[in-house]
Amino acid sequence: MDAHIGWAVTLGLRQRGVTVLMAIEDGSNTLADPDLLDRAGALGHVLFTQDVDFLIEGARRQRAGEFFSGVIYAKQQVVSERCCIDDLELLAKAYDPPDMMNRVEYLPL
């Protein structure tokens, strides 16, 4: 989870058995966006964010053919926490992390 994602989404996913790591829990919340995306990849995680800068970074990496572990994006104040929980649970249970490599997904599904 990017640093700006609320605890409610994290806790909701954990209650549903989804493995979640918040950047703040990992100590990576102060990393620059490209470095945070690299950190997620090093851990084998997909990054969930509401920061449009990750869309730009994901598109840049796709064009350059550079590896990234995947980004899931939801626009702030448009997608509810409940929708994020439901859709992220579905993605987590339908895909393994390698299925999301080099992809950008948008919520709501």
C-alpha atoms as a PDB file:
ATOM      1  CA  MET A   1       0.000   0.000   0.000  1.00  0.00           C
ATOM      2  CA  ASP A   2       1.214   3.444  -0.872  1.00  0.00           C
ATOM      3  CA  ALA A   3       1.743   5.746   2.092  1.00  0.00           C
ATOM      4  CA  HIS A   4      -1.500   7.656   1.535  1.00  0.00           C
ATOM      5  CA  ILE A   5      -3.885   4.702   1.649  1.00  0.00           C
ATOM      6  CA  GLY A   6      -6.077   4.691   4.737  1.00  0.00           C
ATOM      7  CA  TRP A   7      -5.971   2.033   7.415  1.00  0.00           C
ATOM      8  CA  ALA A   8      -9.590   1.037   6.725  1.00  0.00           C
ATOM      9  CA  VAL A   9      -8.676  -0.470   3.356  1.00  0.00           C
ATOM     10  CA  THR A  10      -5.701  -2.314   4.818  1.00  0.00           C
ATOM     11  CA  LEU A  11      -7.661  -3.680   7.760  1.00  0.00           C
ATOM     12  CA  GLY A  12     -10.611  -4.652   5.564  1.00  0.00           C
ATOM     13  CA  LEU A  13      -8.338  -6.646   3.272  1.00  0.00           C
ATOM     14  CA  ARG A  14      -6.548  -8.312   6.161  1.00  0.00           C
ATOM     15  CA  GLN A  15      -9.876  -9.368   7.641  1.00  0.00           C
ATOM     16  CA  ARG A  16     -10.574 -11.088   4.325  1.00  0.00           C
ATOM     17  CA  GLY A  17      -7.268 -12.949   4.389  1.00  0.00           C
ATOM     18  CA  VAL A  18      -5.381 -10.770   1.895  1.00  0.00           C
ATOM     19  CA  THR A  19      -1.693 -10.163   2.615  1.00  0.00           C
ATOM     20  CA  VAL A  20      -1.098  -6.425   2.786  1.00  0.00           C
ATOM     21  CA  LEU A  21       1.966  -4.377   3.663  1.00  0.00           C
ATOM     22  CA  MET A  22       1.663  -0.635   4.121  1.00  0.00           C
ATOM     23  CA  ALA A  23       4.650   1.486   3.160  1.00  0.00           C
ATOM     24  CA  ILE A  24       4.627   3.025   6.623  1.00  0.00           C
ATOM     25  CA  GLU A  25       4.871  -0.425   8.234  1.00  0.00           C
ATOM     26  CA  ASP A  26       7.837  -1.267   6.030  1.00  0.00           C
ATOM     27  CA  GLY A  27       9.587   2.048   6.627  1.00  0.00           C
ATOM     28  CA  SER A  28       9.481   2.760   2.897  1.00  0.00           C
ATOM     29  CA  ASN A  29       6.936   5.578   3.158  1.00  0.00           C
ATOM     30  CA  THR A  30       9.654   8.191   2.638  1.00  0.00           C
ATOM     31  CA  LEU A  31      10.962   6.684  -0.595  1.00  0.00           C
ATOM     32  CA  ALA A  32      10.515   8.482  -3.897  1.00  0.00           C
ATOM     33  CA  ASP A  33       7.747   6.960  -6.030  1.00  0.00           C
ATOM     34  CA  PRO A  34      10.063   5.030  -8.403  1.00  0.00           C
ATOM     35  CA  ASP A  35      11.959   3.628  -5.428  1.00  0.00           C
ATOM     36  CA  LEU A  36       8.739   2.598  -3.683  1.00  0.00           C
ATOM     37  CA  LEU A  37       7.626   0.794  -6.820  1.00  0.00           C
ATOM     38  CA  ASP A  38      11.003  -0.953  -6.930  1.00  0.00           C
ATOM     39  CA  ARG A  39      10.652  -1.887  -3.249  1.00  0.00           C
ATOM     40  CA  ALA A  40       7.233  -3.431  -3.886  1.00  0.00           C
ATOM     41  CA  GLY A  41       8.739  -5.462  -6.711  1.00  0.00           C
ATOM     42  CA  ALA A  42      11.649  -6.614  -4.562  1.00  0.00           C
ATOM     43  CA  LEU A  43       9.123  -7.904  -2.021  1.00  0.00           C
ATOM     44  CA  GLY A  44       7.002  -9.566  -4.709  1.00  0.00           C
ATOM     45  CA  HIS A  45       4.072  -7.223  -4.100  1.00  0.00           C
ATOM     46  CA  VAL A  46       1.800  -5.210  -6.361  1.00  0.00           C
ATOM     47  CA  LEU A  47       1.474  -1.548  -5.339  1.00  0.00           C
ATOM     48  CA  PHE A  48      -1.960  -0.073  -4.618  1.00  0.00           C
ATOM     49  CA  THR A  49      -2.052   3.710  -4.823  1.00  0.00           C
ATOM     50  CA  GLN A  50      -4.241   6.753  -5.285  1.00  0.00           C
ATOM     51  CA  ASP A  51      -1.295   8.829  -6.501  1.00  0.00           C
ATOM     52  CA  VAL A  52      -1.456   9.643 -10.214  1.00  0.00           C
ATOM     53  CA  ASP A  53       2.348   9.865 -10.304  1.00  0.00           C
ATOM     54  CA  PHE A  54       2.450   6.052 -10.224  1.00  0.00           C
ATOM     55  CA  LEU A  55       0.373   5.957 -13.411  1.00  0.00           C
ATOM     56  CA  ILE A  56       3.015   8.121 -15.055  1.00  0.00           C
ATOM     57  CA  GLU A  57       5.833   5.930 -13.719  1.00  0.00           C
ATOM     58  CA  GLY A  58       4.056   2.735 -14.783  1.00  0.00           C
ATOM     59  CA  ALA A  59       3.468   4.075 -18.300  1.00  0.00           C
ATOM     60  CA  ARG A  60       7.085   5.198 -18.533  1.00  0.00           C
ATOM     61  CA  ARG A  61       8.303   1.752 -17.535  1.00  0.00           C
ATOM     62  CA  GLN A  62       5.937   0.040 -19.967  1.00  0.00           C
ATOM     63  CA  ARG A  63       7.235   2.183 -22.852  1.00  0.00           C
ATOM     64  CA  ALA A  64      10.863   1.584 -21.825  1.00  0.00           C
ATOM     65  CA  GLY A  65      10.343  -2.147 -21.343  1.00  0.00           C
ATOM     66  CA  GLU A  66      11.425  -1.852 -17.697  1.00  0.00           C
ATOM     67  CA  PHE A  67      10.178  -4.343 -15.131  1.00  0.00           C
ATOM     68  CA  PHE A  68       7.755  -3.359 -12.399  1.00  0.00           C
ATOM     69  CA  SER A  69       5.601  -5.491 -10.172  1.00  0.00           C
ATOM     70  CA  GLY A  70       2.294  -3.894 -11.119  1.00  0.00           C
ATOM     71  CA  VAL A  71       0.231  -0.923 -10.029  1.00  0.00           C
ATOM     72  CA  ILE A  72      -3.410  -0.799  -9.003  1.00  0.00           C
ATOM     73  CA  TYR A  73      -4.825   2.723  -9.046  1.00  0.00           C
ATOM     74  CA  ALA A  74      -8.015   4.203  -7.640  1.00  0.00           C
ATOM     75  CA  LYS A  75      -8.829   7.885  -7.987  1.00  0.00           C
ATOM     76  CA  GLN A  76      -9.227   9.623  -4.631  1.00  0.00           C
ATOM     77  CA  GLN A  77     -12.740  10.660  -3.625  1.00  0.00           C
ATOM     78  CA  VAL A  78     -14.199   8.728  -6.562  1.00  0.00           C
ATOM     79  CA  VAL A  79     -13.776   5.130  -5.436  1.00  0.00           C
ATOM     80  CA  SER A  80     -15.082   4.289  -1.972  1.00  0.00           C
ATOM     81  CA  GLU A  81     -13.056   2.383   0.614  1.00  0.00           C
ATOM     82  CA  ARG A  82     -15.588  -0.462   0.390  1.00  0.00           C
ATOM     83  CA  CYS A  83     -15.161  -0.655  -3.391  1.00  0.00           C
ATOM     84  CA  CYS A  84     -11.372  -0.671  -2.976  1.00  0.00           C
ATOM     85  CA  ILE A  85     -11.599  -3.517  -0.474  1.00  0.00           C
ATOM     86  CA  ASP A  86     -13.964  -5.555  -2.643  1.00  0.00           C
ATOM     87  CA  ASP A  87     -12.011  -5.042  -5.876  1.00  0.00           C
ATOM     88  CA  LEU A  88      -8.569  -5.498  -4.312  1.00  0.00           C
ATOM     89  CA  GLU A  89      -9.717  -8.727  -2.676  1.00  0.00           C
ATOM     90  CA  LEU A  90     -10.966  -9.977  -6.030  1.00  0.00           C
ATOM     91  CA  LEU A  91      -7.677  -9.112  -7.748  1.00  0.00           C
ATOM     92  CA  ALA A  92      -5.603 -10.641  -4.940  1.00  0.00           C
ATOM     93  CA  LYS A  93      -7.534 -13.894  -5.076  1.00  0.00           C
ATOM     94  CA  ALA A  94      -7.805 -14.083  -8.870  1.00  0.00           C
ATOM     95  CA  TYR A  95      -4.187 -13.275  -9.711  1.00  0.00           C
ATOM     96  CA  ASP A  96      -0.803 -14.283  -8.409  1.00  0.00           C
ATOM     97  CA  PRO A  97       1.693 -11.384  -8.221  1.00  0.00           C
ATOM     98  CA  PRO A  98       3.525 -12.534 -11.399  1.00  0.00           C
ATOM     99  CA  ASP A  99       0.223 -12.153 -13.305  1.00  0.00           C
ATOM    100  CA  MET A 100       0.298  -8.429 -12.512  1.00  0.00           C
ATOM    101  CA  MET A 101       3.866  -7.774 -13.647  1.00  0.00           C
ATOM    102  CA  ASN A 102       4.191  -4.717 -15.867  1.00  0.00           C
ATOM    103  CA  ARG A 103       0.465  -3.998 -15.657  1.00  0.00           C
ATOM    104  CA  VAL A 104      -1.574  -1.043 -14.452  1.00  0.00           C
ATOM    105  CA  GLU A 105      -5.107  -1.803 -13.255  1.00  0.00           C
ATOM    106  CA  TYR A 106      -7.771   0.757 -12.416  1.00  0.00           C
ATOM    107  CA  LEU A 107     -10.452   0.617  -9.753  1.00  0.00           C
ATOM    108  CA  PRO A 108     -13.352   0.250  -9.849  1.00  0.00           C
ATOM    109  CA  LEU A 109     -13.112  -2.912 -11.901  1.00  0.00           C
END
